[in-house]
Amino acid sequence: MFLAVGSCAPPYVWGDAERVKEQLLHVVPLGSSPTLLAEAATKRGWKVDQRNIQSWPAGSATYMNDHNLDCRSRGGPVVPAIIAHYFAPFDTYVESLWLFDAKRRLRDVCVRKTVDAL
């Protein structure tokens, strides 16, 4: 069963959020531009939510900022993207929030997995 689940998701989303973050930063390194993120997203089939790209003052909380994450704006574009969606054994999304500074350089990425279960 675990083999079946693992084969549904790309290898860069295996493991916990911190492991996924490390893998994503190999694909789009810190200091990268939003253009490089867009190119990586297109190549890998990530779904960037263009309608919800916003810029907030540095330190502003984001929708991913909860008791488990410190996911605050870095003063530039905040870009949400679904990096994986798989169905076994439950409908699971791997969400990312890419945090750029005012000079449009990537400063961090936040990751969480959400599961729609019965």
PDB file of N, CA and C in Angstrom:
ATOM      1  N   MET A   1       0.816  -1.192   0.000  1.00  0.00           N
ATOM      2  CA  MET A   1       0.000   0.000   0.000  1.00  0.00           C
ATOM      3  C   MET A   1       0.864   1.262   0.000  1.00  0.00           C
ATOM      4  N   PHE A   2       1.943   1.271   0.824  1.00  0.00           N
ATOM      5  CA  PHE A   2       2.807   2.444   0.870  1.00  0.00           C
ATOM      6  C   PHE A   2       3.497   2.685  -0.462  1.00  0.00           C
ATOM      7  N   LEU A   3       3.835   1.603  -1.153  1.00  0.00           N
ATOM      8  CA  LEU A   3       4.440   1.743  -2.471  1.00  0.00           C
ATOM      9  C   LEU A   3       3.459   2.407  -3.438  1.00  0.00           C
ATOM     10  N   ALA A   4       2.214   2.025  -3.359  1.00  0.00           N
ATOM     11  CA  ALA A   4       1.198   2.618  -4.229  1.00  0.00           C
ATOM     12  C   ALA A   4       1.031   4.098  -3.933  1.00  0.00           C
ATOM     13  N   VAL A   5       1.028   4.463  -2.646  1.00  0.00           N
ATOM     14  CA  VAL A   5       0.898   5.870  -2.269  1.00  0.00           C
ATOM     15  C   VAL A   5       2.107   6.650  -2.744  1.00  0.00           C
ATOM     16  N   GLY A   6       3.288   6.110  -2.506  1.00  0.00           N
ATOM     17  CA  GLY A   6       4.511   6.792  -2.896  1.00  0.00           C
ATOM     18  C   GLY A   6       4.615   7.003  -4.389  1.00  0.00           C
ATOM     19  N   SER A   7       4.087   6.075  -5.170  1.00  0.00           N
ATOM     20  CA  SER A   7       4.192   6.207  -6.616  1.00  0.00           C
ATOM     21  C   SER A   7       3.235   7.263  -7.166  1.00  0.00           C
ATOM     22  N   CYS A   8       2.250   7.706  -6.362  1.00  0.00           N
ATOM     23  CA  CYS A   8       1.296   8.714  -6.813  1.00  0.00           C
ATOM     24  C   CYS A   8       1.845  10.123  -6.706  1.00  0.00           C
ATOM     25  N   ALA A   9       2.805  10.325  -5.867  1.00  0.00           N
ATOM     26  CA  ALA A   9       3.329  11.663  -5.611  1.00  0.00           C
ATOM     27  C   ALA A   9       4.753  11.777  -6.141  1.00  0.00           C
ATOM     28  N   PRO A  10       5.121  12.967  -6.663  1.00  0.00           N
ATOM     29  CA  PRO A  10       6.492  13.147  -7.120  1.00  0.00           C
ATOM     30  C   PRO A  10       7.463  13.064  -5.934  1.00  0.00           C
ATOM     31  N   PRO A  11       8.680  12.590  -6.154  1.00  0.00           N
ATOM     32  CA  PRO A  11       9.628  12.394  -5.048  1.00  0.00           C
ATOM     33  C   PRO A  11       9.899  13.648  -4.222  1.00  0.00           C
ATOM     34  N   TYR A  12       9.795  14.835  -4.819  1.00  0.00           N
ATOM     35  CA  TYR A  12      10.110  16.030  -4.042  1.00  0.00           C
ATOM     36  C   TYR A  12       9.037  16.385  -3.023  1.00  0.00           C
ATOM     37  N   VAL A  13       7.930  15.659  -2.974  1.00  0.00           N
ATOM     38  CA  VAL A  13       6.927  15.910  -1.931  1.00  0.00           C
ATOM     39  C   VAL A  13       6.871  14.777  -0.908  1.00  0.00           C
ATOM     40  N   TRP A  14       7.787  13.839  -0.969  1.00  0.00           N
ATOM     41  CA  TRP A  14       7.835  12.775   0.029  1.00  0.00           C
ATOM     42  C   TRP A  14       8.423  13.333   1.319  1.00  0.00           C
ATOM     43  N   GLY A  15       7.889  12.917   2.435  1.00  0.00           N
ATOM     44  CA  GLY A  15       8.405  13.318   3.736  1.00  0.00           C
ATOM     45  C   GLY A  15       7.591  14.446   4.347  1.00  0.00           C
ATOM     46  N   ASP A  16       8.122  14.962   5.460  1.00  0.00           N
ATOM     47  CA  ASP A  16       7.414  16.025   6.174  1.00  0.00           C
ATOM     48  C   ASP A  16       7.637  17.370   5.484  1.00  0.00           C
ATOM     49  N   ALA A  17       6.980  18.397   6.007  1.00  0.00           N
ATOM     50  CA  ALA A  17       7.019  19.725   5.374  1.00  0.00           C
ATOM     51  C   ALA A  17       8.440  20.261   5.264  1.00  0.00           C
ATOM     52  N   GLU A  18       9.254  20.043   6.274  1.00  0.00           N
ATOM     53  CA  GLU A  18      10.642  20.552   6.231  1.00  0.00           C
ATOM     54  C   GLU A  18      11.443  19.862   5.132  1.00  0.00           C
ATOM     55  N   ARG A  19      11.246  18.577   4.957  1.00  0.00           N
ATOM     56  CA  ARG A  19      11.930  17.828   3.889  1.00  0.00           C
ATOM     57  C   ARG A  19      11.459  18.318   2.515  1.00  0.00           C
ATOM     58  N   VAL A  20      10.158  18.525   2.358  1.00  0.00           N
ATOM     59  CA  VAL A  20       9.620  19.023   1.096  1.00  0.00           C
ATOM     60  C   VAL A  20      10.198  20.407   0.802  1.00  0.00           C
ATOM     61  N   LYS A  21      10.253  21.260   1.821  1.00  0.00           N
ATOM     62  CA  LYS A  21      10.816  22.600   1.645  1.00  0.00           C
ATOM     63  C   LYS A  21      12.260  22.514   1.134  1.00  0.00           C
ATOM     64  N   GLU A  22      13.063  21.656   1.727  1.00  0.00           N
ATOM     65  CA  GLU A  22      14.449  21.484   1.278  1.00  0.00           C
ATOM     66  C   GLU A  22      14.501  21.091  -0.198  1.00  0.00           C
ATOM     67  N   GLN A  23      13.644  20.170  -0.590  1.00  0.00           N
ATOM     68  CA  GLN A  23      13.617  19.719  -1.984  1.00  0.00           C
ATOM     69  C   GLN A  23      13.194  20.847  -2.925  1.00  0.00           C
ATOM     70  N   LEU A  24      12.179  21.624  -2.512  1.00  0.00           N
ATOM     71  CA  LEU A  24      11.723  22.716  -3.353  1.00  0.00           C
ATOM     72  C   LEU A  24      12.801  23.784  -3.529  1.00  0.00           C
ATOM     73  N   LEU A  25      13.580  24.022  -2.473  1.00  0.00           N
ATOM     74  CA  LEU A  25      14.644  25.024  -2.571  1.00  0.00           C
ATOM     75  C   LEU A  25      15.812  24.549  -3.431  1.00  0.00           C
ATOM     76  N   HIS A  26      15.878  23.258  -3.718  1.00  0.00           N
ATOM     77  CA  HIS A  26      16.846  22.777  -4.717  1.00  0.00           C
ATOM     78  C   HIS A  26      16.351  23.117  -6.123  1.00  0.00           C
ATOM     79  N   VAL A  27      15.043  23.111  -6.299  1.00  0.00           N
ATOM     80  CA  VAL A  27      14.444  23.417  -7.597  1.00  0.00           C
ATOM     81  C   VAL A  27      14.457  24.927  -7.849  1.00  0.00           C
ATOM     82  N   VAL A  28      14.045  25.692  -6.838  1.00  0.00           N
ATOM     83  CA  VAL A  28      14.003  27.158  -6.923  1.00  0.00           C
ATOM     84  C   VAL A  28      14.789  27.689  -5.714  1.00  0.00           C
ATOM     85  N   PRO A  29      16.072  27.982  -5.885  1.00  0.00           N
ATOM     86  CA  PRO A  29      16.917  28.383  -4.755  1.00  0.00           C
ATOM     87  C   PRO A  29      16.562  29.762  -4.180  1.00  0.00           C
ATOM     88  N   LEU A  30      16.911  29.965  -2.921  1.00  0.00           N
ATOM     89  CA  LEU A  30      16.762  31.274  -2.304  1.00  0.00           C
ATOM     90  C   LEU A  30      17.471  32.309  -3.170  1.00  0.00           C
ATOM     91  N   GLY A  31      16.904  33.484  -3.268  1.00  0.00           N
ATOM     92  CA  GLY A  31      17.460  34.544  -4.097  1.00  0.00           C
ATOM     93  C   GLY A  31      16.912  34.560  -5.515  1.00  0.00           C
ATOM     94  N   SER A  32      16.154  33.529  -5.898  1.00  0.00           N
ATOM     95  CA  SER A  32      15.590  33.439  -7.243  1.00  0.00           C
ATOM     96  C   SER A  32      14.492  34.487  -7.447  1.00  0.00           C
ATOM     97  N   SER A  33      14.172  34.735  -8.694  1.00  0.00           N
ATOM     98  CA  SER A  33      13.119  35.685  -9.065  1.00  0.00           C
ATOM     99  C   SER A  33      11.772  34.964  -9.223  1.00  0.00           C
ATOM    100  N   PRO A  34      10.680  35.709  -9.217  1.00  0.00           N
ATOM    101  CA  PRO A  34       9.377  35.104  -9.516  1.00  0.00           C
ATOM    102  C   PRO A  34       9.341  34.456 -10.907  1.00  0.00           C
ATOM    103  N   THR A  35      10.123  34.977 -11.837  1.00  0.00           N
ATOM    104  CA  THR A  35      10.180  34.388 -13.180  1.00  0.00           C
ATOM    105  C   THR A  35      10.735  32.972 -13.127  1.00  0.00           C
ATOM    106  N   LEU A  36      11.788  32.759 -12.346  1.00  0.00           N
ATOM    107  CA  LEU A  36      12.353  31.411 -12.219  1.00  0.00           C
ATOM    108  C   LEU A  36      11.344  30.468 -11.575  1.00  0.00           C
ATOM    109  N   LEU A  37      10.604  30.958 -10.579  1.00  0.00           N
ATOM    110  CA  LEU A  37       9.551  30.141  -9.977  1.00  0.00           C
ATOM    111  C   LEU A  37       8.504  29.777 -11.021  1.00  0.00           C
ATOM    112  N   ALA A  38       8.074  30.740 -11.824  1.00  0.00           N
ATOM    113  CA  ALA A  38       7.066  30.480 -12.856  1.00  0.00           C
ATOM    114  C   ALA A  38       7.553  29.439 -13.858  1.00  0.00           C
ATOM    115  N   GLU A  39       8.817  29.515 -14.249  1.00  0.00           N
ATOM    116  CA  GLU A  39       9.384  28.537 -15.183  1.00  0.00           C
ATOM    117  C   GLU A  39       9.406  27.139 -14.569  1.00  0.00           C
ATOM    118  N   ALA A  40       9.829  27.047 -13.310  1.00  0.00           N
ATOM    119  CA  ALA A  40       9.862  25.746 -12.621  1.00  0.00           C
ATOM    120  C   ALA A  40       8.456  25.189 -12.474  1.00  0.00           C
ATOM    121  N   ALA A  41       7.494  26.043 -12.154  1.00  0.00           N
ATOM    122  CA  ALA A  41       6.104  25.612 -11.988  1.00  0.00           C
ATOM    123  C   ALA A  41       5.542  25.073 -13.296  1.00  0.00           C
ATOM    124  N   THR A  42       5.798  25.767 -14.378  1.00  0.00           N
ATOM    125  CA  THR A  42       5.309  25.320 -15.687  1.00  0.00           C
ATOM    126  C   THR A  42       5.919  23.978 -16.050  1.00  0.00           C
ATOM    127  N   LYS A  43       7.219  23.841 -15.851  1.00  0.00           N
ATOM    128  CA  LYS A  43       7.928  22.601 -16.193  1.00  0.00           C
ATOM    129  C   LYS A  43       7.406  21.406 -15.399  1.00  0.00           C
ATOM    130  N   ARG A  44       7.043  21.634 -14.130  1.00  0.00           N
ATOM    131  CA  ARG A  44       6.639  20.535 -13.251  1.00  0.00           C
ATOM    132  C   ARG A  44       5.125  20.382 -13.099  1.00  0.00           C
ATOM    133  N   GLY A  45       4.358  21.265 -13.727  1.00  0.00           N
ATOM    134  CA  GLY A  45       2.906  21.164 -13.649  1.00  0.00           C
ATOM    135  C   GLY A  45       2.316  21.670 -12.345  1.00  0.00           C
ATOM    136  N   TRP A  46       3.050  22.539 -11.633  1.00  0.00           N
ATOM    137  CA  TRP A  46       2.507  23.122 -10.416  1.00  0.00           C
ATOM    138  C   TRP A  46       1.423  24.110 -10.798  1.00  0.00           C
ATOM    139  N   LYS A  47       0.428  24.253  -9.954  1.00  0.00           N
ATOM    140  CA  LYS A  47      -0.679  25.171 -10.223  1.00  0.00           C
ATOM    141  C   LYS A  47      -0.504  26.445  -9.387  1.00  0.00           C
ATOM    142  N   VAL A  48       0.063  27.469 -10.012  1.00  0.00           N
ATOM    143  CA  VAL A  48       0.247  28.757  -9.348  1.00  0.00           C
ATOM    144  C   VAL A  48      -1.083  29.504  -9.376  1.00  0.00           C
ATOM    145  N   ASP A  49      -1.499  29.981  -8.220  1.00  0.00           N
ATOM    146  CA  ASP A  49      -2.761  30.707  -8.099  1.00  0.00           C
ATOM    147  C   ASP A  49      -2.503  32.182  -8.416  1.00  0.00           C
ATOM    148  N   GLN A  50      -2.539  32.520  -9.698  1.00  0.00           N
ATOM    149  CA  GLN A  50      -2.228  33.868 -10.164  1.00  0.00           C
ATOM    150  C   GLN A  50      -3.138  34.934  -9.538  1.00  0.00           C
ATOM    151  N   ARG A  51      -4.380  34.579  -9.290  1.00  0.00           N
ATOM    152  CA  ARG A  51      -5.347  35.548  -8.743  1.00  0.00           C
ATOM    153  C   ARG A  51      -5.007  35.971  -7.320  1.00  0.00           C
ATOM    154  N   ASN A  52      -4.282  35.132  -6.601  1.00  0.00           N
ATOM    155  CA  ASN A  52      -4.007  35.427  -5.193  1.00  0.00           C
ATOM    156  C   ASN A  52      -2.556  35.776  -4.909  1.00  0.00           C
ATOM    157  N   ILE A  53      -1.808  36.166  -5.926  1.00  0.00           N
ATOM    158  CA  ILE A  53      -0.459  36.682  -5.690  1.00  0.00           C
ATOM    159  C   ILE A  53      -0.616  38.105  -5.167  1.00  0.00           C
ATOM    160  N   GLN A  54      -0.086  38.332  -3.975  1.00  0.00           N
ATOM    161  CA  GLN A  54      -0.213  39.640  -3.342  1.00  0.00           C
ATOM    162  C   GLN A  54       1.102  40.029  -2.701  1.00  0.00           C
ATOM    163  N   SER A  55       1.247  41.300  -2.415  1.00  0.00           N
ATOM    164  CA  SER A  55       2.381  41.792  -1.635  1.00  0.00           C
ATOM    165  C   SER A  55       1.834  42.444  -0.381  1.00  0.00           C
ATOM    166  N   TRP A  56       2.423  42.093   0.746  1.00  0.00           N
ATOM    167  CA  TRP A  56       2.050  42.677   2.024  1.00  0.00           C
ATOM    168  C   TRP A  56       3.309  43.234   2.680  1.00  0.00           C
ATOM    169  N   PRO A  57       3.174  44.121   3.643  1.00  0.00           N
ATOM    170  CA  PRO A  57       4.350  44.611   4.352  1.00  0.00           C
ATOM    171  C   PRO A  57       5.110  43.448   5.007  1.00  0.00           C
ATOM    172  N   ALA A  58       6.418  43.586   5.063  1.00  0.00           N
ATOM    173  CA  ALA A  58       7.244  42.550   5.698  1.00  0.00           C
ATOM    174  C   ALA A  58       6.739  42.271   7.108  1.00  0.00           C
ATOM    175  N   GLY A  59       6.659  40.993   7.449  1.00  0.00           N
ATOM    176  CA  GLY A  59       6.199  40.573   8.770  1.00  0.00           C
ATOM    177  C   GLY A  59       4.711  40.307   8.860  1.00  0.00           C
ATOM    178  N   SER A  60       3.954  40.636   7.823  1.00  0.00           N
ATOM    179  CA  SER A  60       2.508  40.385   7.837  1.00  0.00           C
ATOM    180  C   SER A  60       2.229  38.887   7.813  1.00  0.00           C
ATOM    181  N   ALA A  61       1.241  38.475   8.588  1.00  0.00           N
ATOM    182  CA  ALA A  61       0.856  37.067   8.609  1.00  0.00           C
ATOM    183  C   ALA A  61       0.211  36.684   7.282  1.00  0.00           C
ATOM    184  N   THR A  62       0.387  35.432   6.880  1.00  0.00           N
ATOM    185  CA  THR A  62      -0.249  34.887   5.690  1.00  0.00           C
ATOM    186  C   THR A  62      -1.254  33.830   6.132  1.00  0.00           C
ATOM    187  N   TYR A  63      -2.011  33.307   5.176  1.00  0.00           N
ATOM    188  CA  TYR A  63      -2.996  32.284   5.535  1.00  0.00           C
ATOM    189  C   TYR A  63      -2.336  30.995   6.011  1.00  0.00           C
ATOM    190  N   MET A  64      -1.053  30.802   5.754  1.00  0.00           N
ATOM    191  CA  MET A  64      -0.363  29.615   6.250  1.00  0.00           C
ATOM    192  C   MET A  64       0.279  29.842   7.613  1.00  0.00           C
ATOM    193  N   ASN A  65       0.157  31.037   8.147  1.00  0.00           N
ATOM    194  CA  ASN A  65       0.770  31.330   9.440  1.00  0.00           C
ATOM    195  C   ASN A  65      -0.139  30.796  10.546  1.00  0.00           C
ATOM    196  N   ASP A  66       0.254  29.699  11.124  1.00  0.00           N
ATOM    197  CA  ASP A  66      -0.518  29.139  12.242  1.00  0.00           C
ATOM    198  C   ASP A  66       0.465  28.671  13.304  1.00  0.00           C
ATOM    199  N   HIS A  67       0.005  27.925  14.252  1.00  0.00           N
ATOM    200  CA  HIS A  67       0.867  27.522  15.364  1.00  0.00           C
ATOM    201  C   HIS A  67       2.021  26.612  14.923  1.00  0.00           C
ATOM    202  N   ASN A  68       1.945  25.999  13.753  1.00  0.00           N
ATOM    203  CA  ASN A  68       3.005  25.113  13.285  1.00  0.00           C
ATOM    204  C   ASN A  68       4.003  25.791  12.343  1.00  0.00           C
ATOM    205  N   LEU A  69       3.634  26.922  11.786  1.00  0.00           N
ATOM    206  CA  LEU A  69       4.479  27.589  10.795  1.00  0.00           C
ATOM    207  C   LEU A  69       4.663  29.051  11.151  1.00  0.00           C
ATOM    208  N   ASP A  70       5.826  29.582  10.851  1.00  0.00           N
ATOM    209  CA  ASP A  70       6.012  31.020  10.894  1.00  0.00           C
ATOM    210  C   ASP A  70       6.169  31.452   9.449  1.00  0.00           C
ATOM    211  N   CYS A  71       5.074  31.697   8.816  1.00  0.00           N
ATOM    212  CA  CYS A  71       5.038  31.970   7.383  1.00  0.00           C
ATOM    213  C   CYS A  71       4.557  33.397   7.175  1.00  0.00           C
ATOM    214  N   ARG A  72       5.476  34.345   7.291  1.00  0.00           N
ATOM    215  CA  ARG A  72       5.134  35.761   7.201  1.00  0.00           C
ATOM    216  C   ARG A  72       5.728  36.383   5.950  1.00  0.00           C
ATOM    217  N   SER A  73       5.053  37.389   5.439  1.00  0.00           N
ATOM    218  CA  SER A  73       5.510  38.096   4.250  1.00  0.00           C
ATOM    219  C   SER A  73       6.917  38.649   4.454  1.00  0.00           C
ATOM    220  N   ARG A  74       7.666  38.679   3.381  1.00  0.00           N
ATOM    221  CA  ARG A  74       9.012  39.273   3.414  1.00  0.00           C
ATOM    222  C   ARG A  74       9.013  40.649   2.736  1.00  0.00           C
ATOM    223  N   GLY A  75       7.829  41.171   2.430  1.00  0.00           N
ATOM    224  CA  GLY A  75       7.702  42.512   1.887  1.00  0.00           C
ATOM    225  C   GLY A  75       7.514  42.579   0.386  1.00  0.00           C
ATOM    226  N   GLY A  76       7.499  41.450  -0.272  1.00  0.00           N
ATOM    227  CA  GLY A  76       7.309  41.408  -1.715  1.00  0.00           C
ATOM    228  C   GLY A  76       6.189  40.453  -2.067  1.00  0.00           C
ATOM    229  N   PRO A  77       6.185  39.958  -3.305  1.00  0.00           N
ATOM    230  CA  PRO A  77       5.117  39.047  -3.720  1.00  0.00           C
ATOM    231  C   PRO A  77       5.061  37.776  -2.861  1.00  0.00           C
ATOM    232  N   VAL A  78       3.856  37.366  -2.555  1.00  0.00           N
ATOM    233  CA  VAL A  78       3.579  36.101  -1.875  1.00  0.00           C
ATOM    234  C   VAL A  78       2.821  35.261  -2.904  1.00  0.00           C
ATOM    235  N   VAL A  79       3.441  34.152  -3.320  1.00  0.00           N
ATOM    236  CA  VAL A  79       2.927  33.372  -4.450  1.00  0.00           C
ATOM    237  C   VAL A  79       2.464  31.995  -3.978  1.00  0.00           C
ATOM    238  N   PRO A  80       1.144  31.740  -3.984  1.00  0.00           N
ATOM    239  CA  PRO A  80       0.644  30.409  -3.611  1.00  0.00           C
ATOM    240  C   PRO A  80       0.668  29.454  -4.807  1.00  0.00           C
ATOM    241  N   ALA A  81       1.023  28.203  -4.540  1.00  0.00           N
ATOM    242  CA  ALA A  81       1.032  27.192  -5.600  1.00  0.00           C
ATOM    243  C   ALA A  81       0.768  25.814  -5.015  1.00  0.00           C
ATOM    244  N   ILE A  82      -0.031  25.036  -5.730  1.00  0.00           N
ATOM    245  CA  ILE A  82      -0.220  23.616  -5.412  1.00  0.00           C
ATOM    246  C   ILE A  82       0.888  22.876  -6.157  1.00  0.00           C
ATOM    247  N   ILE A  83       1.750  22.199  -5.422  1.00  0.00           N
ATOM    248  CA  ILE A  83       2.864  21.516  -6.083  1.00  0.00           C
ATOM    249  C   ILE A  83       2.603  20.033  -6.305  1.00  0.00           C
ATOM    250  N   ALA A  84       1.571  19.510  -5.648  1.00  0.00           N
ATOM    251  CA  ALA A  84       1.195  18.112  -5.900  1.00  0.00           C
ATOM    252  C   ALA A  84      -0.241  17.899  -5.441  1.00  0.00           C
ATOM    253  N   HIS A  85      -0.906  16.999  -6.133  1.00  0.00           N
ATOM    254  CA  HIS A  85      -2.262  16.586  -5.786  1.00  0.00           C
ATOM    255  C   HIS A  85      -2.350  15.109  -6.135  1.00  0.00           C
ATOM    256  N   TYR A  86      -2.556  14.287  -5.124  1.00  0.00           N
ATOM    257  CA  TYR A  86      -2.681  12.859  -5.366  1.00  0.00           C
ATOM    258  C   TYR A  86      -3.853  12.303  -4.580  1.00  0.00           C
ATOM    259  N   PHE A  87      -4.277  11.109  -4.948  1.00  0.00           N
ATOM    260  CA  PHE A  87      -5.564  10.594  -4.503  1.00  0.00           C
ATOM    261  C   PHE A  87      -5.513   9.350  -3.627  1.00  0.00           C
ATOM    262  N   ALA A  88      -4.358   8.757  -3.424  1.00  0.00           N
ATOM    263  CA  ALA A  88      -4.331   7.508  -2.682  1.00  0.00           C
ATOM    264  C   ALA A  88      -3.519   7.670  -1.405  1.00  0.00           C
ATOM    265  N   PRO A  89      -3.989   7.244  -0.283  1.00  0.00           N
ATOM    266  CA  PRO A  89      -5.298   6.646  -0.045  1.00  0.00           C
ATOM    267  C   PRO A  89      -6.395   7.700   0.123  1.00  0.00           C
ATOM    268  N   PHE A  90      -6.023   8.976   0.314  1.00  0.00           N
ATOM    269  CA  PHE A  90      -7.004  10.055   0.422  1.00  0.00           C
ATOM    270  C   PHE A  90      -6.599  11.186  -0.510  1.00  0.00           C
ATOM    271  N   ASP A  91      -7.559  12.033  -0.830  1.00  0.00           N
ATOM    272  CA  ASP A  91      -7.314  13.209  -1.660  1.00  0.00           C
ATOM    273  C   ASP A  91      -6.373  14.145  -0.901  1.00  0.00           C
ATOM    274  N   THR A  92      -5.146  14.328  -1.399  1.00  0.00           N
ATOM    275  CA  THR A  92      -4.118  15.085  -0.695  1.00  0.00           C
ATOM    276  C   THR A  92      -3.539  16.175  -1.594  1.00  0.00           C
ATOM    277  N   TYR A  93      -3.409  17.368  -1.028  1.00  0.00           N
ATOM    278  CA  TYR A  93      -2.774  18.494  -1.718  1.00  0.00           C
ATOM    279  C   TYR A  93      -1.507  18.866  -0.973  1.00  0.00           C
ATOM    280  N   VAL A  94      -0.451  19.171  -1.718  1.00  0.00           N
ATOM    281  CA  VAL A  94       0.751  19.733  -1.133  1.00  0.00           C
ATOM    282  C   VAL A  94       0.787  21.184  -1.590  1.00  0.00           C
ATOM    283  N   GLU A  95       0.604  22.078  -0.628  1.00  0.00           N
ATOM    284  CA  GLU A  95       0.537  23.508  -0.913  1.00  0.00           C
ATOM    285  C   GLU A  95       1.873  24.166  -0.584  1.00  0.00           C
ATOM    286  N   SER A  96       2.202  25.191  -1.349  1.00  0.00           N
ATOM    287  CA  SER A  96       3.400  25.972  -1.071  1.00  0.00           C
ATOM    288  C   SER A  96       3.048  27.449  -1.136  1.00  0.00           C
ATOM    289  N   LEU A  97       3.776  28.232  -0.378  1.00  0.00           N
ATOM    290  CA  LEU A  97       3.626  29.680  -0.384  1.00  0.00           C
ATOM    291  C   LEU A  97       5.039  30.256  -0.484  1.00  0.00           C
ATOM    292  N   TRP A  98       5.326  30.859  -1.618  1.00  0.00           N
ATOM    293  CA  TRP A  98       6.665  31.375  -1.939  1.00  0.00           C
ATOM    294  C   TRP A  98       6.732  32.833  -1.522  1.00  0.00           C
ATOM    295  N   LEU A  99       7.710  33.174  -0.681  1.00  0.00           N
ATOM    296  CA  LEU A  99       7.811  34.499  -0.078  1.00  0.00           C
ATOM    297  C   LEU A  99       9.002  35.259  -0.654  1.00  0.00           C
ATOM    298  N   PHE A 100       8.715  36.341  -1.365  1.00  0.00           N
ATOM    299  CA  PHE A 100       9.747  37.170  -1.980  1.00  0.00           C
ATOM    300  C   PHE A 100       9.874  38.475  -1.195  1.00  0.00           C
ATOM    301  N   ASP A 101      11.066  39.089  -1.276  1.00  0.00           N
ATOM    302  CA  ASP A 101      11.261  40.381  -0.625  1.00  0.00           C
ATOM    303  C   ASP A 101      10.882  41.513  -1.583  1.00  0.00           C
ATOM    304  N   ALA A 102      11.069  42.747  -1.127  1.00  0.00           N
ATOM    305  CA  ALA A 102      10.688  43.909  -1.924  1.00  0.00           C
ATOM    306  C   ALA A 102      11.487  44.017  -3.227  1.00  0.00           C
ATOM    307  N   LYS A 103      12.667  43.395  -3.276  1.00  0.00           N
ATOM    308  CA  LYS A 103      13.481  43.394  -4.498  1.00  0.00           C
ATOM    309  C   LYS A 103      13.179  42.182  -5.378  1.00  0.00           C
ATOM    310  N   ARG A 104      12.098  41.455  -5.020  1.00  0.00           N
ATOM    311  CA  ARG A 104      11.618  40.300  -5.788  1.00  0.00           C
ATOM    312  C   ARG A 104      12.628  39.147  -5.805  1.00  0.00           C
ATOM    313  N   ARG A 105      13.255  38.916  -4.666  1.00  0.00           N
ATOM    314  CA  ARG A 105      14.157  37.775  -4.485  1.00  0.00           C
ATOM    315  C   ARG A 105      13.496  36.804  -3.506  1.00  0.00           C
ATOM    316  N   LEU A 106      13.555  35.526  -3.828  1.00  0.00           N
ATOM    317  CA  LEU A 106      12.952  34.514  -2.959  1.00  0.00           C
ATOM    318  C   LEU A 106      13.680  34.487  -1.620  1.00  0.00           C
ATOM    319  N   ARG A 107      12.904  34.581  -0.540  1.00  0.00           N
ATOM    320  CA  ARG A 107      13.464  34.547   0.807  1.00  0.00           C
ATOM    321  C   ARG A 107      13.062  33.309   1.591  1.00  0.00           C
ATOM    322  N   ASP A 108      11.937  32.680   1.226  1.00  0.00           N
ATOM    323  CA  ASP A 108      11.502  31.493   1.959  1.00  0.00           C
ATOM    324  C   ASP A 108      10.354  30.846   1.203  1.00  0.00           C
ATOM    325  N   VAL A 109      10.086  29.606   1.543  1.00  0.00           N
ATOM    326  CA  VAL A 109       8.904  28.913   1.032  1.00  0.00           C
ATOM    327  C   VAL A 109       8.293  28.147   2.203  1.00  0.00           C
ATOM    328  N   CYS A 110       6.991  28.232   2.327  1.00  0.00           N
ATOM    329  CA  CYS A 110       6.263  27.490   3.358  1.00  0.00           C
ATOM    330  C   CYS A 110       5.524  26.350   2.670  1.00  0.00           C
ATOM    331  N   VAL A 111       5.418  25.235   3.368  1.00  0.00           N
ATOM    332  CA  VAL A 111       4.797  24.036   2.798  1.00  0.00           C
ATOM    333  C   VAL A 111       3.849  23.430   3.812  1.00  0.00           C
ATOM    334  N   ARG A 112       2.715  22.964   3.318  1.00  0.00           N
ATOM    335  CA  ARG A 112       1.813  22.168   4.154  1.00  0.00           C
ATOM    336  C   ARG A 112       1.077  21.178   3.270  1.00  0.00           C
ATOM    337  N   LYS A 113       0.690  20.082   3.893  1.00  0.00           N
ATOM    338  CA  LYS A 113      -0.103  19.059   3.216  1.00  0.00           C
ATOM    339  C   LYS A 113      -1.491  19.073   3.824  1.00  0.00           C
ATOM    340  N   THR A 114      -2.498  19.048   2.970  1.00  0.00           N
ATOM    341  CA  THR A 114      -3.872  18.962   3.443  1.00  0.00           C
ATOM    342  C   THR A 114      -4.488  17.693   2.884  1.00  0.00           C
ATOM    343  N   VAL A 115      -5.272  17.019   3.712  1.00  0.00           N
ATOM    344  CA  VAL A 115      -5.869  15.748   3.333  1.00  0.00           C
ATOM    345  C   VAL A 115      -7.375  15.848   3.501  1.00  0.00           C
ATOM    346  N   ASP A 116      -8.082  15.486   2.447  1.00  0.00           N
ATOM    347  CA  ASP A 116      -9.537  15.381   2.508  1.00  0.00           C
ATOM    348  C   ASP A 116      -9.865  13.921   2.790  1.00  0.00           C
ATOM    349  N   ALA A 117     -10.249  13.641   4.008  1.00  0.00           N
ATOM    350  CA  ALA A 117     -10.583  12.264   4.397  1.00  0.00           C
ATOM    351  C   ALA A 117     -12.088  12.153   4.634  1.00  0.00           C
ATOM    352  N   LEU A 118     -12.522  10.942   4.827  1.00  0.00           N
ATOM    353  CA  LEU A 118     -13.941  10.690   5.064  1.00  0.00           C
ATOM    354  C   LEU A 118     -14.430  11.333   6.324  1.00  0.00           C
TER     355      LEU A 118
END
